[in-house]
C-alpha atoms as a PDB file:
ATOM      1  CA  MET A   1    -108.032  21.010 -59.156  1.00  0.00           C
ATOM      2  CA  THR A   2    -104.677  20.632 -60.899  1.00  0.00           C
ATOM      3  CA  TYR A   3    -101.423  20.722 -58.952  1.00  0.00           C
ATOM      4  CA  LYS A   4    -100.416  23.941 -60.726  1.00  0.00           C
ATOM      5  CA  GLN A   5    -103.669  25.621 -59.729  1.00  0.00           C
ATOM      6  CA  GLU A   6    -103.215  24.423 -56.162  1.00  0.00           C
ATOM      7  CA  VAL A   7     -99.815  26.121 -56.033  1.00  0.00           C
ATOM      8  CA  ILE A   8    -101.218  29.305 -57.580  1.00  0.00           C
ATOM      9  CA  ASP A   9    -104.096  29.458 -55.099  1.00  0.00           C
ATOM     10  CA  PHE A  10    -101.828  28.798 -52.112  1.00  0.00           C
ATOM     11  CA  TYR A  11     -99.400  31.585 -52.953  1.00  0.00           C
ATOM     12  CA  ASN A  12    -102.038  34.053 -54.138  1.00  0.00           C
ATOM     13  CA  ALA A  13    -103.575  33.720 -50.674  1.00  0.00           C
ATOM     14  CA  ARG A  14    -100.298  34.704 -48.996  1.00  0.00           C
ATOM     15  CA  THR A  15    -100.637  38.442 -49.508  1.00  0.00           C
ATOM     16  CA  ASN A  16     -99.252  38.989 -45.992  1.00  0.00           C
ATOM     17  CA  TYR A  17     -96.088  37.055 -46.888  1.00  0.00           C
ATOM     18  CA  ASP A  18     -93.633  39.896 -46.336  1.00  0.00           C
ATOM     19  CA  ASN A  19     -92.084  40.296 -42.889  1.00  0.00           C
ATOM     20  CA  ASP A  20     -88.561  40.592 -41.505  1.00  0.00           C
ATOM     21  CA  ALA A  21     -88.099  36.816 -41.317  1.00  0.00           C
ATOM     22  CA  THR A  22     -89.158  36.048 -44.887  1.00  0.00           C
ATOM     23  CA  PHE A  23     -87.157  38.983 -46.227  1.00  0.00           C
ATOM     24  CA  ASN A  24     -83.972  38.138 -44.344  1.00  0.00           C
ATOM     25  CA  ARG A  25     -83.998  34.423 -45.119  1.00  0.00           C
ATOM     26  CA  ALA A  26     -84.397  35.209 -48.823  1.00  0.00           C
ATOM     27  CA  ILE A  27     -81.708  37.846 -49.246  1.00  0.00           C
ATOM     28  CA  THR A  28     -79.242  35.741 -47.256  1.00  0.00           C
ATOM     29  CA  LEU A  29     -78.534  34.174 -50.672  1.00  0.00           C
ATOM     30  CA  PHE A  30     -76.570  37.327 -51.478  1.00  0.00           C
ATOM     31  CA  ASP A  31     -74.140  36.441 -48.677  1.00  0.00           C
ATOM     32  CA  TYR A  32     -72.941  33.605 -50.899  1.00  0.00           C
ATOM     33  CA  ALA A  33     -73.398  34.844 -54.469  1.00  0.00           C
ATOM     34  CA  THR A  34     -73.837  38.441 -55.598  1.00  0.00           C
ATOM     35  CA  PRO A  35     -74.265  39.816 -59.131  1.00  0.00           C
ATOM     36  CA  PHE A  36     -72.094  42.687 -60.337  1.00  0.00           C
ATOM     37  CA  PRO A  37     -73.127  46.012 -61.850  1.00  0.00           C
ATOM     38  CA  GLY A  38     -74.213  45.606 -65.465  1.00  0.00           C
ATOM     39  CA  GLN A  39     -75.132  41.940 -65.188  1.00  0.00           C
ATOM     40  CA  SER A  40     -78.373  40.204 -66.158  1.00  0.00           C
ATOM     41  CA  VAL A  41     -80.329  38.321 -63.483  1.00  0.00           C
ATOM     42  CA  LEU A  42     -83.302  35.937 -63.498  1.00  0.00           C
ATOM     43  CA  ASP A  43     -85.312  35.471 -60.306  1.00  0.00           C
ATOM     44  CA  VAL A  44     -87.432  32.310 -60.512  1.00  0.00           C
ATOM     45  CA  ALA A  45     -90.604  32.269 -58.371  1.00  0.00           C
ATOM     46  CA  THR A  46     -89.959  35.891 -57.496  1.00  0.00           C
ATOM     47  CA  GLY A  47     -93.093  36.182 -55.343  1.00  0.00           C
ATOM     48  CA  THR A  48     -93.209  39.616 -53.740  1.00  0.00           C
ATOM     49  CA  GLY A  49     -89.903  40.487 -55.385  1.00  0.00           C
ATOM     50  CA  ASN A  50     -87.482  40.492 -52.462  1.00  0.00           C
ATOM     51  CA  ILE A  51     -84.649  38.817 -54.383  1.00  0.00           C
ATOM     52  CA  ALA A  52     -85.384  40.668 -57.625  1.00  0.00           C
ATOM     53  CA  ILE A  53     -85.384  44.092 -55.967  1.00  0.00           C
ATOM     54  CA  GLU A  54     -82.136  43.439 -54.106  1.00  0.00           C
ATOM     55  CA  ALA A  55     -80.544  42.126 -57.317  1.00  0.00           C
ATOM     56  CA  ALA A  56     -81.723  45.195 -59.241  1.00  0.00           C
ATOM     57  CA  LYS A  57     -79.965  47.458 -56.758  1.00  0.00           C
ATOM     58  CA  LYS A  58     -76.756  45.440 -57.110  1.00  0.00           C
ATOM     59  CA  VAL A  59     -76.658  45.330 -60.935  1.00  0.00           C
ATOM     60  CA  GLY A  60     -77.596  49.001 -61.216  1.00  0.00           C
ATOM     61  CA  THR A  61     -79.105  50.820 -64.159  1.00  0.00           C
ATOM     62  CA  SER A  62     -76.642  49.215 -66.572  1.00  0.00           C
ATOM     63  CA  GLY A  63     -77.915  45.775 -65.554  1.00  0.00           C
ATOM     64  CA  SER A  64     -81.307  44.100 -65.700  1.00  0.00           C
ATOM     65  CA  VAL A  65     -83.489  41.726 -63.690  1.00  0.00           C
ATOM     66  CA  ILE A  66     -86.382  39.542 -64.794  1.00  0.00           C
ATOM     67  CA  GLY A  67     -88.663  38.113 -62.105  1.00  0.00           C
ATOM     68  CA  ILE A  68     -91.040  35.297 -63.051  1.00  0.00           C
ATOM     69  CA  ASP A  69     -93.910  33.766 -61.090  1.00  0.00           C
ATOM     70  CA  ILE A  70     -97.384  32.259 -61.535  1.00  0.00           C
ATOM     71  CA  ALA A  71     -98.952  33.957 -58.501  1.00  0.00           C
ATOM     72  CA  THR A  72    -100.706  37.060 -59.840  1.00  0.00           C
ATOM     73  CA  GLU A  73    -101.415  38.583 -56.436  1.00  0.00           C
ATOM     74  CA  LEU A  74     -97.803  38.337 -55.303  1.00  0.00           C
ATOM     75  CA  LEU A  75     -96.604  39.883 -58.557  1.00  0.00           C
ATOM     76  CA  LYS A  76     -98.922  42.832 -57.894  1.00  0.00           C
ATOM     77  CA  ILE A  77     -97.236  43.338 -54.515  1.00  0.00           C
ATOM     78  CA  ALA A  78     -93.812  43.051 -56.135  1.00  0.00           C
ATOM     79  CA  GLN A  79     -94.745  45.684 -58.731  1.00  0.00           C
ATOM     80  CA  GLN A  80     -95.913  48.082 -56.020  1.00  0.00           C
ATOM     81  CA  LYS A  81     -92.596  47.648 -54.192  1.00  0.00           C
ATOM     82  CA  ILE A  82     -90.632  48.187 -57.408  1.00  0.00           C
ATOM     83  CA  GLN A  83     -92.503  51.416 -58.080  1.00  0.00           C
ATOM     84  CA  ALA A  84     -91.990  52.569 -54.494  1.00  0.00           C
ATOM     85  CA  GLU A  85     -88.239  51.988 -54.898  1.00  0.00           C
ATOM     86  CA  ASN A  86     -88.339  53.804 -58.271  1.00  0.00           C
ATOM     87  CA  LEU A  87     -86.492  50.952 -59.981  1.00  0.00           C
ATOM     88  CA  SER A  88     -86.579  50.842 -63.783  1.00  0.00           C
ATOM     89  CA  ASN A  89     -84.374  47.800 -64.413  1.00  0.00           C
ATOM     90  CA  ILE A  90     -86.806  45.044 -63.335  1.00  0.00           C
ATOM     91  CA  GLU A  91     -89.329  43.282 -65.556  1.00  0.00           C
ATOM     92  CA  LEU A  92     -91.952  41.004 -63.990  1.00  0.00           C
ATOM     93  CA  ILE A  93     -93.439  38.195 -66.097  1.00  0.00           C
ATOM     94  CA  GLU A  94     -96.375  36.022 -65.102  1.00  0.00           C
ATOM     95  CA  VAL A  95     -95.304  32.647 -66.455  1.00  0.00           C
ATOM     96  CA  ASP A  96     -94.769  29.079 -65.312  1.00  0.00           C
ATOM     97  CA  ALA A  97     -91.030  28.544 -64.823  1.00  0.00           C
ATOM     98  CA  GLN A  98     -91.402  25.090 -66.351  1.00  0.00           C
ATOM     99  CA  ILE A  99     -92.351  26.559 -69.739  1.00  0.00           C
ATOM    100  CA  TYR A 100     -90.371  29.819 -69.592  1.00  0.00           C
ATOM    101  CA  GLU A 101     -87.950  29.877 -72.524  1.00  0.00           C
ATOM    102  CA  PRO A 102     -85.539  32.812 -72.681  1.00  0.00           C
ATOM    103  CA  GLU A 103     -82.571  32.762 -75.027  1.00  0.00           C
ATOM    104  CA  SER A 104     -79.711  30.451 -74.172  1.00  0.00           C
ATOM    105  CA  ASN A 105     -76.699  32.047 -72.470  1.00  0.00           C
ATOM    106  CA  GLN A 106     -78.804  35.070 -71.459  1.00  0.00           C
ATOM    107  CA  PHE A 107     -78.211  35.432 -67.704  1.00  0.00           C
ATOM    108  CA  ASP A 108     -75.200  35.978 -65.483  1.00  0.00           C
ATOM    109  CA  ALA A 109     -77.119  34.792 -62.408  1.00  0.00           C
ATOM    110  CA  ILE A 110     -80.283  32.834 -61.632  1.00  0.00           C
ATOM    111  CA  TYR A 111     -81.859  32.935 -58.169  1.00  0.00           C
ATOM    112  CA  CYS A 112     -84.642  30.821 -56.705  1.00  0.00           C
ATOM    113  CA  SER A 113     -85.664  31.186 -53.075  1.00  0.00           C
ATOM    114  CA  TYR A 114     -87.566  28.296 -51.436  1.00  0.00           C
ATOM    115  CA  ALA A 115     -89.352  27.179 -54.608  1.00  0.00           C
ATOM    116  CA  LEU A 116     -87.223  24.607 -56.417  1.00  0.00           C
ATOM    117  CA  VAL A 117     -88.826  21.687 -54.527  1.00  0.00           C
ATOM    118  CA  LEU A 118     -92.236  22.670 -55.925  1.00  0.00           C
ATOM    119  CA  PHE A 119     -91.270  21.767 -59.485  1.00  0.00           C
ATOM    120  CA  PRO A 120     -92.261  18.194 -60.416  1.00  0.00           C
ATOM    121  CA  ASN A 121     -89.110  17.653 -62.493  1.00  0.00           C
ATOM    122  CA  ILE A 122     -86.160  19.237 -60.719  1.00  0.00           C
ATOM    123  CA  PRO A 123     -83.483  17.802 -63.070  1.00  0.00           C
ATOM    124  CA  THR A 124     -85.244  19.409 -66.049  1.00  0.00           C
ATOM    125  CA  ILE A 125     -85.407  22.781 -64.297  1.00  0.00           C
ATOM    126  CA  LEU A 126     -81.704  22.609 -63.403  1.00  0.00           C
ATOM    127  CA  GLY A 127     -80.866  21.645 -66.991  1.00  0.00           C
ATOM    128  CA  ASN A 128     -82.828  24.635 -68.247  1.00  0.00           C
ATOM    129  CA  TRP A 129     -81.055  26.948 -65.862  1.00  0.00           C
ATOM    130  CA  TYR A 130     -77.681  25.669 -67.056  1.00  0.00           C
ATOM    131  CA  ARG A 131     -78.724  26.452 -70.618  1.00  0.00           C
ATOM    132  CA  PHE A 132     -80.022  29.923 -69.705  1.00  0.00           C
ATOM    133  CA  LEU A 133     -76.728  30.893 -68.042  1.00  0.00           C
ATOM    134  CA  LYS A 134     -73.781  32.547 -69.682  1.00  0.00           C
ATOM    135  CA  SER A 135     -70.432  30.832 -69.308  1.00  0.00           C
ATOM    136  CA  SER A 136     -69.078  31.576 -65.798  1.00  0.00           C
ATOM    137  CA  GLY A 137     -72.596  32.404 -64.603  1.00  0.00           C
ATOM    138  CA  PHE A 138     -74.081  30.982 -61.403  1.00  0.00           C
ATOM    139  CA  ILE A 139     -77.317  29.744 -59.892  1.00  0.00           C
ATOM    140  CA  ALA A 140     -78.192  30.361 -56.244  1.00  0.00           C
ATOM    141  CA  PHE A 141     -81.134  28.733 -54.502  1.00  0.00           C
ATOM    142  CA  THR A 142     -82.446  27.656 -51.127  1.00  0.00           C
ATOM    143  CA  CYS A 143     -84.022  24.381 -50.075  1.00  0.00           C
ATOM    144  CA  SER A 144     -84.751  22.574 -46.824  1.00  0.00           C
ATOM    145  CA  SER A 145     -83.528  19.383 -45.182  1.00  0.00           C
ATOM    146  CA  GLU A 146     -85.754  16.332 -45.556  1.00  0.00           C
ATOM    147  CA  ASP A 147     -86.881  16.565 -41.901  1.00  0.00           C
ATOM    148  CA  SER A 148     -87.634  20.285 -41.881  1.00  0.00           C
ATOM    149  CA  TYR A 149     -91.171  21.397 -41.012  1.00  0.00           C
ATOM    150  CA  SER A 150     -91.894  18.000 -39.369  1.00  0.00           C
ATOM    151  CA  ALA A 151     -91.915  16.370 -42.811  1.00  0.00           C
ATOM    152  CA  LEU A 152     -90.835  12.945 -41.564  1.00  0.00           C
ATOM    153  CA  SER A 153     -93.483  12.948 -38.830  1.00  0.00           C
ATOM    154  CA  ILE A 154     -96.109  13.772 -41.448  1.00  0.00           C
ATOM    155  CA  VAL A 155     -94.905  10.999 -43.755  1.00  0.00           C
ATOM    156  CA  GLU A 156     -94.825   8.504 -40.866  1.00  0.00           C
ATOM    157  CA  ALA A 157     -98.325   9.463 -39.689  1.00  0.00           C
ATOM    158  CA  CYS A 158     -99.634   8.806 -43.191  1.00  0.00           C
ATOM    159  CA  ALA A 159     -97.777   5.491 -43.449  1.00  0.00           C
ATOM    160  CA  LYS A 160     -99.435   4.308 -40.233  1.00  0.00           C
ATOM    161  CA  HIS A 161    -102.747   4.486 -42.101  1.00  0.00           C
ATOM    162  CA  GLY A 162    -101.482   2.846 -45.281  1.00  0.00           C
ATOM    163  CA  ILE A 163    -100.903   6.094 -47.176  1.00  0.00           C
ATOM    164  CA  THR A 164     -97.607   6.618 -48.998  1.00  0.00           C
ATOM    165  CA  LEU A 165     -96.933  10.353 -48.932  1.00  0.00           C
ATOM    166  CA  PRO A 166     -93.932  11.585 -50.939  1.00  0.00           C
ATOM    167  CA  ASN A 167     -91.651  13.748 -48.813  1.00  0.00           C
ATOM    168  CA  LEU A 168     -91.690  17.132 -50.542  1.00  0.00           C
ATOM    169  CA  HIS A 169     -88.175  17.909 -49.313  1.00  0.00           C
ATOM    170  CA  GLU A 170     -86.552  14.556 -50.059  1.00  0.00           C
ATOM    171  CA  PRO A 171     -85.103  15.278 -53.559  1.00  0.00           C
ATOM    172  CA  LEU A 172     -83.043  18.196 -52.205  1.00  0.00           C
ATOM    173  CA  GLY A 173     -83.110  17.112 -48.591  1.00  0.00           C
ATOM    174  CA  THR A 174     -79.412  16.297 -48.078  1.00  0.00           C
ATOM    175  CA  PRO A 175     -76.164  17.875 -49.305  1.00  0.00           C
ATOM    176  CA  GLU A 176     -75.357  14.613 -51.100  1.00  0.00           C
ATOM    177  CA  ARG A 177     -78.572  14.698 -53.134  1.00  0.00           C
ATOM    178  CA  ILE A 178     -78.106  18.368 -53.961  1.00  0.00           C
ATOM    179  CA  GLN A 179     -74.541  17.691 -55.102  1.00  0.00           C
ATOM    180  CA  TYR A 180     -75.669  14.748 -57.253  1.00  0.00           C
ATOM    181  CA  LEU A 181     -78.467  16.664 -59.026  1.00  0.00           C
ATOM    182  CA  LEU A 182     -76.240  19.642 -59.760  1.00  0.00           C
ATOM    183  CA  THR A 183     -73.418  17.449 -61.036  1.00  0.00           C
ATOM    184  CA  GLN A 184     -75.854  15.624 -63.319  1.00  0.00           C
ATOM    185  CA  ALA A 185     -76.922  19.020 -64.685  1.00  0.00           C
ATOM    186  CA  LYS A 186     -73.235  19.781 -65.477  1.00  0.00           C
ATOM    187  CA  PHE A 187     -72.746  22.460 -62.823  1.00  0.00           C
ATOM    188  CA  ASN A 188     -69.339  22.991 -61.207  1.00  0.00           C
ATOM    189  CA  GLN A 189     -67.887  24.709 -58.136  1.00  0.00           C
ATOM    190  CA  ILE A 190     -70.843  23.644 -56.036  1.00  0.00           C
ATOM    191  CA  GLU A 191     -71.177  25.230 -52.596  1.00  0.00           C
ATOM    192  CA  ILE A 192     -73.738  24.098 -50.018  1.00  0.00           C
ATOM    193  CA  HIS A 193     -74.039  26.234 -46.899  1.00  0.00           C
ATOM    194  CA  SER A 194     -76.395  25.178 -44.101  1.00  0.00           C
ATOM    195  CA  ARG A 195     -78.187  27.444 -41.625  1.00  0.00           C
ATOM    196  CA  GLN A 196     -80.395  26.249 -38.784  1.00  0.00           C
ATOM    197  CA  LEU A 197     -83.459  28.480 -38.451  1.00  0.00           C
ATOM    198  CA  GLY A 198     -85.422  26.044 -36.290  1.00  0.00           C
ATOM    199  CA  THR A 199     -86.969  26.877 -32.945  1.00  0.00           C
ATOM    200  CA  TYR A 200     -88.886  25.337 -30.061  1.00  0.00           C
ATOM    201  CA  LEU A 201     -92.670  25.602 -30.234  1.00  0.00           C
ATOM    202  CA  CYS A 202     -95.330  24.949 -27.635  1.00  0.00           C
ATOM    203  CA  LEU A 203     -97.136  21.641 -28.185  1.00  0.00           C
ATOM    204  CA  GLU A 204    -100.353  23.211 -29.462  1.00  0.00           C
ATOM    205  CA  LYS A 205     -98.538  25.367 -31.999  1.00  0.00           C
ATOM    206  CA  ALA A 206     -96.360  22.468 -33.158  1.00  0.00           C
ATOM    207  CA  GLN A 207     -99.416  20.291 -33.724  1.00  0.00           C
ATOM    208  CA  SER A 208    -101.179  23.091 -35.586  1.00  0.00           C
ATOM    209  CA  ARG A 209     -98.375  23.307 -38.157  1.00  0.00           C
ATOM    210  CA  TRP A 210    -100.112  20.630 -40.245  1.00  0.00           C
ATOM    211  CA  ASN A 211    -103.838  20.149 -40.785  1.00  0.00           C
ATOM    212  CA  GLY A 212    -103.741  16.506 -41.874  1.00  0.00           C
ATOM    213  CA  GLN A 213    -104.214  17.125 -45.583  1.00  0.00           C
ATOM    214  CA  PHE A 214    -102.200  20.061 -46.947  1.00  0.00           C
ATOM    215  CA  TRP A 215     -99.117  18.999 -48.903  1.00  0.00           C
ATOM    216  CA  LEU A 216     -97.837  20.839 -51.986  1.00  0.00           C
ATOM    217  CA  HIS A 217     -96.714  17.858 -54.037  1.00  0.00           C
ATOM    218  CA  ILE A 218     -97.942  16.786 -57.450  1.00  0.00           C
ATOM    219  CA  ASP A 219     -98.485  13.236 -56.130  1.00  0.00           C
ATOM    220  CA  ASN A 220    -100.398  14.055 -52.946  1.00  0.00           C
ATOM    221  CA  PRO A 221    -102.723  11.120 -52.148  1.00  0.00           C
ATOM    222  CA  LEU A 222    -104.342  13.034 -49.287  1.00  0.00           C
ATOM    223  CA  ARG A 223    -106.407  15.051 -51.775  1.00  0.00           C
ATOM    224  CA  GLU A 224    -108.548  11.994 -52.465  1.00  0.00           C
ATOM    225  CA  LEU A 225    -109.224  10.860 -48.889  1.00  0.00           C
ATOM    226  CA  LYS A 226    -112.471  11.195 -46.983  1.00  0.00           C
ATOM    227  CA  PRO A 227    -112.558  13.578 -43.986  1.00  0.00           C
ATOM    228  CA  GLU A 228    -112.804  10.685 -41.525  1.00  0.00           C
ATOM    229  CA  LYS A 229    -109.470   9.230 -42.671  1.00  0.00           C
ATOM    230  CA  ILE A 230    -107.841  12.649 -42.732  1.00  0.00           C
ATOM    231  CA  SER A 231    -108.917  13.096 -39.105  1.00  0.00           C
ATOM    232  CA  ARG A 232    -107.323   9.780 -38.131  1.00  0.00           C
ATOM    233  CA  ILE A 233    -104.071  10.703 -39.892  1.00  0.00           C
ATOM    234  CA  LYS A 234    -104.075  14.092 -38.201  1.00  0.00           C
ATOM    235  CA  ALA A 235    -104.575  12.414 -34.807  1.00  0.00           C
ATOM    236  CA  SER A 236    -101.562  10.167 -35.474  1.00  0.00           C
ATOM    237  CA  TYR A 237     -99.503  13.202 -36.422  1.00  0.00           C
ATOM    238  CA  ASP A 238    -100.535  14.972 -33.212  1.00  0.00           C
ATOM    239  CA  ASP A 239     -99.480  11.892 -31.210  1.00  0.00           C
ATOM    240  CA  LYS A 240     -96.081  11.833 -32.913  1.00  0.00           C
ATOM    241  CA  ILE A 241     -95.523  15.522 -32.187  1.00  0.00           C
ATOM    242  CA  ALA A 242     -96.630  15.093 -28.549  1.00  0.00           C
ATOM    243  CA  ALA A 243     -94.040  12.328 -28.149  1.00  0.00           C
ATOM    244  CA  LEU A 244     -91.335  14.832 -29.149  1.00  0.00           C
ATOM    245  CA  GLU A 245     -92.219  17.361 -26.439  1.00  0.00           C
ATOM    246  CA  THR A 246     -89.483  18.309 -23.976  1.00  0.00           C
ATOM    247  CA  GLU A 247     -89.274  20.864 -21.189  1.00  0.00           C
ATOM    248  CA  GLU A 248     -88.311  23.442 -23.813  1.00  0.00           C
ATOM    249  CA  GLY A 249     -91.219  22.513 -26.086  1.00  0.00           C
ATOM    250  CA  VAL A 250     -91.236  20.706 -29.432  1.00  0.00           C
ATOM    251  CA  TRP A 251     -88.238  21.284 -31.661  1.00  0.00           C
ATOM    252  CA  HIS A 252     -89.405  22.543 -35.070  1.00  0.00           C
ATOM    253  CA  GLU A 253     -86.617  21.797 -37.527  1.00  0.00           C
ATOM    254  CA  GLU A 254     -85.875  24.353 -40.224  1.00  0.00           C
ATOM    255  CA  LEU A 255     -82.471  23.474 -41.618  1.00  0.00           C
ATOM    256  CA  ILE A 256     -81.919  25.542 -44.753  1.00  0.00           C
ATOM    257  CA  TYR A 257     -79.370  24.862 -47.478  1.00  0.00           C
ATOM    258  CA  TYR A 258     -78.074  27.900 -49.355  1.00  0.00           C
ATOM    259  CA  VAL A 259     -76.680  26.539 -52.582  1.00  0.00           C
ATOM    260  CA  VAL A 260     -74.482  28.105 -55.262  1.00  0.00           C
ATOM    261  CA  ALA A 261     -73.269  26.375 -58.431  1.00  0.00           C
ATOM    262  CA  ARG A 262     -71.510  27.682 -61.520  1.00  0.00           C
ATOM    263  CA  LYS A 263     -71.422  27.062 -65.254  1.00  0.00           C
ATOM    264  CA  VAL A 264     -67.729  26.878 -66.055  1.00  0.00           C
END
């Protein structure tokens, strides 16, 4: 199975994605950057359309929104929500964001919620977004710290068994790295706002957050391992999580960066 197909299958299976938490954490982006009536917006990896629908309401009938995604099932949900809201200024396109080629200088705003880390070449994506934007336009996206979702414990458990697992969140995992990538892509007026959404989990739930193999990264060596080795890696992960247990439970980090950058 190709990495792209793995991503498609994972998100197509998440037809129960929408809830208050996923909705609120997505539209929080509008706290930091909001389009104006009449503007043109692109929502990358639109999923069930939460960002696109909110943007469509803000730009009004004189504006327009395009939502793109590769997950057919999520786009179906988004279309149902759009119809329920009776919105006529949103177009959904099933396309890989890596090959999507609109006209240059087309959009006033580009949003991407929790998906930028999934692209194998983040600098190329950011360069494309810069090109797609009008002068004075902005991008707004979310990403997670490098230790969110027990990522470092997962990487360390793999390393104990001689497996080098790339940390999915590392490229955008610190404000310094975010700043560097955006500067390299020629963006200006960069804002990075952090919000801690982490919580304490019981030991069993914390250990169940990772199955020993799942990792959405193009270079995931776990795909090729035999079940016996996966089981040993999973056991090491469980041990690491158990060592983190306190009276309150196991802290599950979810430090989110809300990022805005402009084309000046």
